[in-house]
Amino acid sequence: MFHKVLWPLEKQARRGFRGYPLATVAFYGEDDKHATKVAVGIVRAEGAEADPLERWFSEQTDVRSDPDIACQIGAFIETHAAKSVVLVDRIIGCPHEEGVDYPAGSACPQCPFWANRDRWSGELLR
């Protein structure tokens, strides 16, 4: 399911919750096949927002198979002493940010694949 370079993260995620800080790892792409963005956030306590939040991008390769990005993610998680890792098993949405790259409340004009689609299951809503 995961790309080989992500196995260390997958292994950490399989260990389950081991306390805070918690690292969240999510993948984004224009469709559900090619991830062009990964976002990693550090949650320091229950109910807290992810802070810091770091993003990596790649138009050439899938971020899930880029060894340089995987090393940077590992270093980021280690630097912030995350005890737990939560890792999504799929691409969960468009790499563009609502309210930043396109108006809030509308679908991304650059990623029609995600319009009317459940980001967690990938199923069409209508």
N, C-alpha and C. Protein backbone atom coordinates (compact mmCIF):
# COMPACT_ATOMS: atom_id res chain seq x y z
N MET A 1 0.83 -1.19 0.00
CA MET A 1 0.00 0.00 0.00
C MET A 1 0.87 1.25 0.00
N PHE A 2 1.87 1.31 0.89
CA PHE A 2 2.74 2.47 0.93
C PHE A 2 3.96 2.23 0.05
N HIS A 3 4.56 3.31 -0.35
CA HIS A 3 5.78 3.24 -1.14
C HIS A 3 6.94 2.92 -0.20
N LYS A 4 7.94 2.26 -0.74
CA LYS A 4 9.07 1.77 0.05
C LYS A 4 9.72 2.85 0.91
N VAL A 5 9.85 4.07 0.40
CA VAL A 5 10.52 5.12 1.17
C VAL A 5 9.72 5.53 2.40
N LEU A 6 8.45 5.19 2.45
CA LEU A 6 7.60 5.56 3.58
C LEU A 6 7.50 4.47 4.64
N TRP A 7 8.14 3.34 4.44
CA TRP A 7 8.05 2.24 5.40
C TRP A 7 8.40 2.65 6.82
N PRO A 8 9.43 3.47 7.05
CA PRO A 8 9.70 3.87 8.44
C PRO A 8 8.52 4.62 9.07
N LEU A 9 7.85 5.47 8.30
CA LEU A 9 6.68 6.18 8.83
C LEU A 9 5.52 5.22 9.07
N GLU A 10 5.32 4.29 8.14
CA GLU A 10 4.26 3.30 8.30
C GLU A 10 4.51 2.48 9.57
N LYS A 11 5.75 2.12 9.80
CA LYS A 11 6.09 1.34 10.99
C LYS A 11 5.76 2.12 12.26
N GLN A 12 6.12 3.40 12.29
CA GLN A 12 5.80 4.24 13.45
C GLN A 12 4.28 4.34 13.64
N ALA A 13 3.55 4.50 12.54
CA ALA A 13 2.09 4.63 12.63
C ALA A 13 1.45 3.35 13.15
N ARG A 14 1.98 2.20 12.74
CA ARG A 14 1.42 0.92 13.20
C ARG A 14 1.56 0.72 14.70
N ARG A 15 2.50 1.41 15.32
CA ARG A 15 2.69 1.27 16.77
C ARG A 15 1.53 1.86 17.56
N GLY A 16 0.72 2.67 16.89
CA GLY A 16 -0.43 3.27 17.56
C GLY A 16 -0.06 4.50 18.37
N PHE A 17 -1.02 4.96 19.13
CA PHE A 17 -0.82 6.17 19.91
C PHE A 17 0.12 5.89 21.07
N ARG A 18 1.19 6.67 21.14
CA ARG A 18 2.19 6.51 22.21
C ARG A 18 2.36 7.79 23.00
N GLY A 19 1.43 8.73 22.79
CA GLY A 19 1.50 10.00 23.50
C GLY A 19 1.77 11.16 22.57
N TYR A 20 1.75 12.33 23.16
CA TYR A 20 2.03 13.57 22.42
C TYR A 20 3.48 13.97 22.64
N PRO A 21 4.04 14.70 21.70
CA PRO A 21 3.49 15.23 20.46
C PRO A 21 3.19 14.12 19.45
N LEU A 22 2.22 14.41 18.59
CA LEU A 22 1.74 13.49 17.57
C LEU A 22 2.00 14.12 16.21
N ALA A 23 2.57 13.36 15.28
CA ALA A 23 2.79 13.85 13.92
C ALA A 23 1.66 13.33 13.03
N THR A 24 1.06 14.22 12.25
CA THR A 24 0.04 13.83 11.27
C THR A 24 0.65 13.97 9.89
N VAL A 25 0.45 12.97 9.04
CA VAL A 25 1.01 12.97 7.68
C VAL A 25 -0.13 12.74 6.71
N ALA A 26 -0.33 13.70 5.78
CA ALA A 26 -1.43 13.60 4.82
C ALA A 26 -0.92 13.93 3.41
N PHE A 27 -1.45 13.19 2.43
CA PHE A 27 -1.05 13.35 1.03
C PHE A 27 -2.17 13.97 0.22
N TYR A 28 -1.78 14.81 -0.75
CA TYR A 28 -2.73 15.51 -1.60
C TYR A 28 -2.28 15.43 -3.05
N GLY A 29 -3.24 15.45 -3.97
CA GLY A 29 -2.92 15.42 -5.39
C GLY A 29 -4.11 15.86 -6.21
N GLU A 30 -3.88 16.13 -7.48
CA GLU A 30 -4.96 16.57 -8.36
C GLU A 30 -5.95 15.45 -8.63
N ASP A 31 -5.54 14.19 -8.38
CA ASP A 31 -6.44 13.04 -8.45
C ASP A 31 -6.00 12.06 -7.36
N ASP A 32 -6.58 10.88 -7.36
CA ASP A 32 -6.25 9.92 -6.30
C ASP A 32 -5.11 8.96 -6.67
N LYS A 33 -4.38 9.28 -7.73
CA LYS A 33 -3.30 8.40 -8.19
C LYS A 33 -1.90 8.97 -7.97
N HIS A 34 -1.74 10.29 -8.02
CA HIS A 34 -0.42 10.92 -7.98
C HIS A 34 -0.39 12.01 -6.91
N ALA A 35 0.36 11.79 -5.85
CA ALA A 35 0.47 12.76 -4.75
C ALA A 35 1.54 13.79 -5.09
N THR A 36 1.13 15.06 -5.12
CA THR A 36 2.07 16.14 -5.41
C THR A 36 2.41 16.96 -4.17
N LYS A 37 1.72 16.69 -3.07
CA LYS A 37 1.93 17.45 -1.84
C LYS A 37 1.79 16.51 -0.64
N VAL A 38 2.63 16.74 0.35
CA VAL A 38 2.49 16.07 1.64
C VAL A 38 2.55 17.15 2.70
N ALA A 39 1.65 17.06 3.66
CA ALA A 39 1.62 18.00 4.78
C ALA A 39 1.83 17.21 6.07
N VAL A 40 2.75 17.71 6.89
CA VAL A 40 3.04 17.07 8.17
C VAL A 40 2.88 18.11 9.26
N GLY A 41 2.03 17.79 10.22
CA GLY A 41 1.80 18.69 11.34
C GLY A 41 2.16 18.03 12.65
N ILE A 42 2.53 18.84 13.60
CA ILE A 42 2.85 18.35 14.94
C ILE A 42 1.76 18.85 15.89
N VAL A 43 1.05 17.92 16.49
CA VAL A 43 0.00 18.24 17.47
C VAL A 43 0.58 17.97 18.85
N ARG A 44 0.65 18.99 19.67
CA ARG A 44 1.34 18.89 20.96
C ARG A 44 0.45 18.39 22.10
N ALA A 45 -0.88 18.52 21.98
CA ALA A 45 -1.79 18.08 23.05
C ALA A 45 -3.15 17.79 22.44
N GLU A 46 -3.94 17.00 23.16
CA GLU A 46 -5.29 16.68 22.71
C GLU A 46 -6.08 17.96 22.45
N GLY A 47 -6.72 18.04 21.29
CA GLY A 47 -7.54 19.18 20.94
C GLY A 47 -6.77 20.36 20.37
N ALA A 48 -5.46 20.29 20.35
CA ALA A 48 -4.64 21.39 19.83
C ALA A 48 -4.58 21.35 18.31
N GLU A 49 -4.31 22.48 17.71
CA GLU A 49 -4.08 22.57 16.27
C GLU A 49 -2.67 22.09 15.96
N ALA A 50 -2.48 21.64 14.73
CA ALA A 50 -1.14 21.24 14.30
C ALA A 50 -0.27 22.48 14.15
N ASP A 51 0.81 22.53 14.94
CA ASP A 51 1.74 23.65 14.88
C ASP A 51 3.07 23.20 15.48
N PRO A 52 4.08 23.11 14.67
CA PRO A 52 4.22 23.63 13.32
C PRO A 52 3.60 22.69 12.28
N LEU A 53 3.43 23.24 11.08
CA LEU A 53 2.91 22.50 9.94
C LEU A 53 3.86 22.75 8.78
N GLU A 54 4.37 21.68 8.19
CA GLU A 54 5.31 21.80 7.08
C GLU A 54 4.73 21.10 5.86
N ARG A 55 5.00 21.64 4.68
CA ARG A 55 4.50 21.06 3.44
C ARG A 55 5.66 20.84 2.48
N TRP A 56 5.58 19.74 1.73
CA TRP A 56 6.55 19.45 0.67
C TRP A 56 5.77 19.21 -0.61
N PHE A 57 6.34 19.65 -1.73
CA PHE A 57 5.69 19.55 -3.04
C PHE A 57 6.63 18.91 -4.05
N SER A 58 6.04 18.24 -5.04
CA SER A 58 6.81 17.73 -6.18
C SER A 58 5.86 17.56 -7.36
N GLU A 59 6.18 18.20 -8.44
CA GLU A 59 5.41 18.03 -9.68
C GLU A 59 5.98 16.88 -10.51
N GLN A 60 7.29 16.59 -10.33
CA GLN A 60 7.96 15.57 -11.14
C GLN A 60 7.70 14.15 -10.64
N THR A 61 7.77 13.94 -9.34
CA THR A 61 7.61 12.60 -8.78
C THR A 61 6.44 12.59 -7.80
N ASP A 62 5.97 11.42 -7.50
CA ASP A 62 4.97 11.25 -6.46
C ASP A 62 5.69 11.46 -5.13
N VAL A 63 5.19 12.36 -4.29
CA VAL A 63 5.88 12.65 -3.03
C VAL A 63 6.00 11.41 -2.15
N ARG A 64 5.15 10.43 -2.35
CA ARG A 64 5.20 9.21 -1.54
C ARG A 64 6.38 8.32 -1.91
N SER A 65 7.00 8.56 -3.07
CA SER A 65 8.14 7.74 -3.49
C SER A 65 9.42 8.55 -3.63
N ASP A 66 9.45 9.76 -3.12
CA ASP A 66 10.62 10.61 -3.21
C ASP A 66 11.48 10.44 -1.95
N PRO A 67 12.66 9.83 -2.09
CA PRO A 67 13.48 9.57 -0.90
C PRO A 67 13.95 10.85 -0.20
N ASP A 68 14.20 11.91 -0.94
CA ASP A 68 14.63 13.17 -0.31
C ASP A 68 13.52 13.74 0.57
N ILE A 69 12.29 13.72 0.06
CA ILE A 69 11.16 14.21 0.85
C ILE A 69 10.94 13.32 2.07
N ALA A 70 11.05 12.00 1.89
CA ALA A 70 10.88 11.08 3.02
C ALA A 70 11.91 11.37 4.12
N CYS A 71 13.15 11.64 3.73
CA CYS A 71 14.19 11.98 4.72
C CYS A 71 13.87 13.28 5.44
N GLN A 72 13.38 14.27 4.70
CA GLN A 72 13.02 15.55 5.31
C GLN A 72 11.85 15.40 6.27
N ILE A 73 10.88 14.57 5.90
CA ILE A 73 9.74 14.31 6.80
C ILE A 73 10.24 13.64 8.07
N GLY A 74 11.09 12.62 7.92
CA GLY A 74 11.63 11.92 9.09
C GLY A 74 12.39 12.87 10.00
N ALA A 75 13.19 13.75 9.42
CA ALA A 75 13.95 14.72 10.22
C ALA A 75 13.03 15.70 10.92
N PHE A 76 11.97 16.14 10.23
CA PHE A 76 11.00 17.07 10.82
C PHE A 76 10.33 16.42 12.03
N ILE A 77 9.89 15.17 11.87
CA ILE A 77 9.23 14.45 12.96
C ILE A 77 10.19 14.24 14.13
N GLU A 78 11.43 13.88 13.82
CA GLU A 78 12.42 13.67 14.87
C GLU A 78 12.76 14.98 15.59
N THR A 79 12.91 16.06 14.84
CA THR A 79 13.23 17.37 15.43
C THR A 79 12.18 17.79 16.45
N HIS A 80 10.92 17.46 16.17
CA HIS A 80 9.83 17.86 17.05
C HIS A 80 9.45 16.76 18.05
N ALA A 81 10.28 15.72 18.12
CA ALA A 81 10.16 14.66 19.12
C ALA A 81 8.77 14.04 19.18
N ALA A 82 8.17 13.78 18.01
CA ALA A 82 6.85 13.16 17.99
C ALA A 82 6.93 11.74 18.54
N LYS A 83 6.05 11.42 19.45
CA LYS A 83 5.99 10.09 20.04
C LYS A 83 5.06 9.17 19.25
N SER A 84 4.11 9.78 18.51
CA SER A 84 3.12 9.02 17.74
C SER A 84 3.06 9.60 16.33
N VAL A 85 2.69 8.74 15.37
CA VAL A 85 2.53 9.16 13.97
C VAL A 85 1.19 8.64 13.47
N VAL A 86 0.44 9.54 12.84
CA VAL A 86 -0.80 9.17 12.17
C VAL A 86 -0.56 9.42 10.68
N LEU A 87 -0.76 8.39 9.87
CA LEU A 87 -0.43 8.43 8.46
C LEU A 87 -1.63 7.98 7.64
N VAL A 88 -2.12 8.83 6.73
CA VAL A 88 -3.24 8.42 5.89
C VAL A 88 -2.77 7.38 4.88
N ASP A 89 -3.67 6.51 4.45
CA ASP A 89 -3.31 5.44 3.52
C ASP A 89 -3.70 5.75 2.09
N ARG A 90 -4.06 7.01 1.81
CA ARG A 90 -4.46 7.40 0.45
C ARG A 90 -4.29 8.89 0.29
N ILE A 91 -4.47 9.34 -0.92
CA ILE A 91 -4.49 10.77 -1.21
C ILE A 91 -5.86 11.27 -0.77
N ILE A 92 -5.89 12.33 0.05
CA ILE A 92 -7.16 12.75 0.64
C ILE A 92 -7.71 14.07 0.11
N GLY A 93 -7.17 14.55 -0.98
CA GLY A 93 -7.75 15.76 -1.54
C GLY A 93 -6.80 16.52 -2.43
N CYS A 94 -7.27 17.64 -2.85
CA CYS A 94 -6.58 18.55 -3.76
C CYS A 94 -5.40 19.21 -3.06
N PRO A 95 -4.28 19.44 -3.77
CA PRO A 95 -3.12 20.08 -3.14
C PRO A 95 -3.27 21.59 -2.96
N HIS A 96 -4.30 22.15 -3.54
CA HIS A 96 -4.51 23.60 -3.43
C HIS A 96 -5.33 23.89 -2.17
N GLU A 97 -5.10 25.05 -1.57
CA GLU A 97 -5.74 25.36 -0.30
C GLU A 97 -6.94 26.28 -0.47
N GLU A 98 -8.07 25.82 0.07
CA GLU A 98 -9.30 26.60 0.03
C GLU A 98 -9.09 27.91 0.78
N GLY A 99 -9.53 28.99 0.17
CA GLY A 99 -9.38 30.30 0.77
C GLY A 99 -8.03 30.94 0.51
N VAL A 100 -7.10 30.15 -0.02
CA VAL A 100 -5.77 30.67 -0.37
C VAL A 100 -5.61 30.63 -1.89
N ASP A 101 -5.77 29.42 -2.46
CA ASP A 101 -5.59 29.22 -3.90
C ASP A 101 -6.88 29.38 -4.69
N TYR A 102 -8.02 29.27 -4.03
CA TYR A 102 -9.33 29.45 -4.66
C TYR A 102 -10.31 29.86 -3.57
N PRO A 103 -11.44 30.47 -3.95
CA PRO A 103 -12.38 31.00 -2.95
C PRO A 103 -12.94 29.92 -2.01
N ALA A 104 -13.06 30.28 -0.74
CA ALA A 104 -13.63 29.37 0.26
C ALA A 104 -15.07 29.02 -0.13
N GLY A 105 -15.43 27.78 0.08
CA GLY A 105 -16.79 27.33 -0.20
C GLY A 105 -17.01 26.86 -1.62
N SER A 106 -15.99 26.92 -2.47
CA SER A 106 -16.14 26.46 -3.84
C SER A 106 -15.17 25.32 -4.10
N ALA A 107 -15.37 24.63 -5.22
CA ALA A 107 -14.47 23.56 -5.62
C ALA A 107 -13.24 24.15 -6.29
N CYS A 108 -12.13 23.49 -6.17
CA CYS A 108 -10.89 23.95 -6.80
C CYS A 108 -11.04 23.87 -8.32
N PRO A 109 -10.84 24.98 -9.02
CA PRO A 109 -10.98 24.96 -10.47
C PRO A 109 -9.86 24.17 -11.16
N GLN A 110 -8.75 23.94 -10.46
CA GLN A 110 -7.63 23.21 -11.05
C GLN A 110 -7.73 21.70 -10.85
N CYS A 111 -8.62 21.26 -9.97
CA CYS A 111 -8.71 19.84 -9.65
C CYS A 111 -10.16 19.34 -9.72
N PRO A 112 -10.72 19.25 -10.92
CA PRO A 112 -12.12 18.81 -11.04
C PRO A 112 -12.36 17.40 -10.50
N PHE A 113 -11.32 16.58 -10.41
CA PHE A 113 -11.48 15.22 -9.87
C PHE A 113 -12.11 15.24 -8.48
N TRP A 114 -11.73 16.23 -7.63
CA TRP A 114 -12.18 16.27 -6.25
C TRP A 114 -13.53 16.94 -6.06
N ALA A 115 -14.08 17.57 -7.10
CA ALA A 115 -15.40 18.20 -6.97
C ALA A 115 -16.45 17.12 -6.70
N ASN A 116 -17.27 17.30 -5.69
CA ASN A 116 -18.33 16.36 -5.32
C ASN A 116 -17.81 14.96 -4.99
N ARG A 117 -16.63 14.90 -4.37
CA ARG A 117 -16.04 13.62 -4.01
C ARG A 117 -15.71 13.62 -2.52
N ASP A 118 -16.00 12.51 -1.86
CA ASP A 118 -15.63 12.35 -0.45
C ASP A 118 -14.12 12.15 -0.37
N ARG A 119 -13.43 13.03 0.32
CA ARG A 119 -11.97 12.96 0.36
C ARG A 119 -11.43 11.75 1.11
N TRP A 120 -12.21 11.15 2.00
CA TRP A 120 -11.73 10.02 2.77
C TRP A 120 -11.94 8.69 2.05
N SER A 121 -13.07 8.54 1.37
CA SER A 121 -13.34 7.30 0.65
C SER A 121 -13.00 7.37 -0.82
N GLY A 122 -12.99 8.59 -1.39
CA GLY A 122 -12.77 8.75 -2.83
C GLY A 122 -14.03 8.58 -3.64
N GLU A 123 -15.15 8.26 -2.98
CA GLU A 123 -16.41 8.02 -3.68
C GLU A 123 -17.08 9.32 -4.07
N LEU A 124 -17.76 9.32 -5.22
CA LEU A 124 -18.53 10.49 -5.65
C LEU A 124 -19.73 10.67 -4.71
N LEU A 125 -20.01 11.91 -4.37
CA LEU A 125 -21.13 12.22 -3.48
C LEU A 125 -22.44 12.30 -4.25
N ARG A 126 -22.39 12.73 -5.50
CA ARG A 126 -23.60 12.81 -6.31
C ARG A 126 -23.33 12.28 -7.68
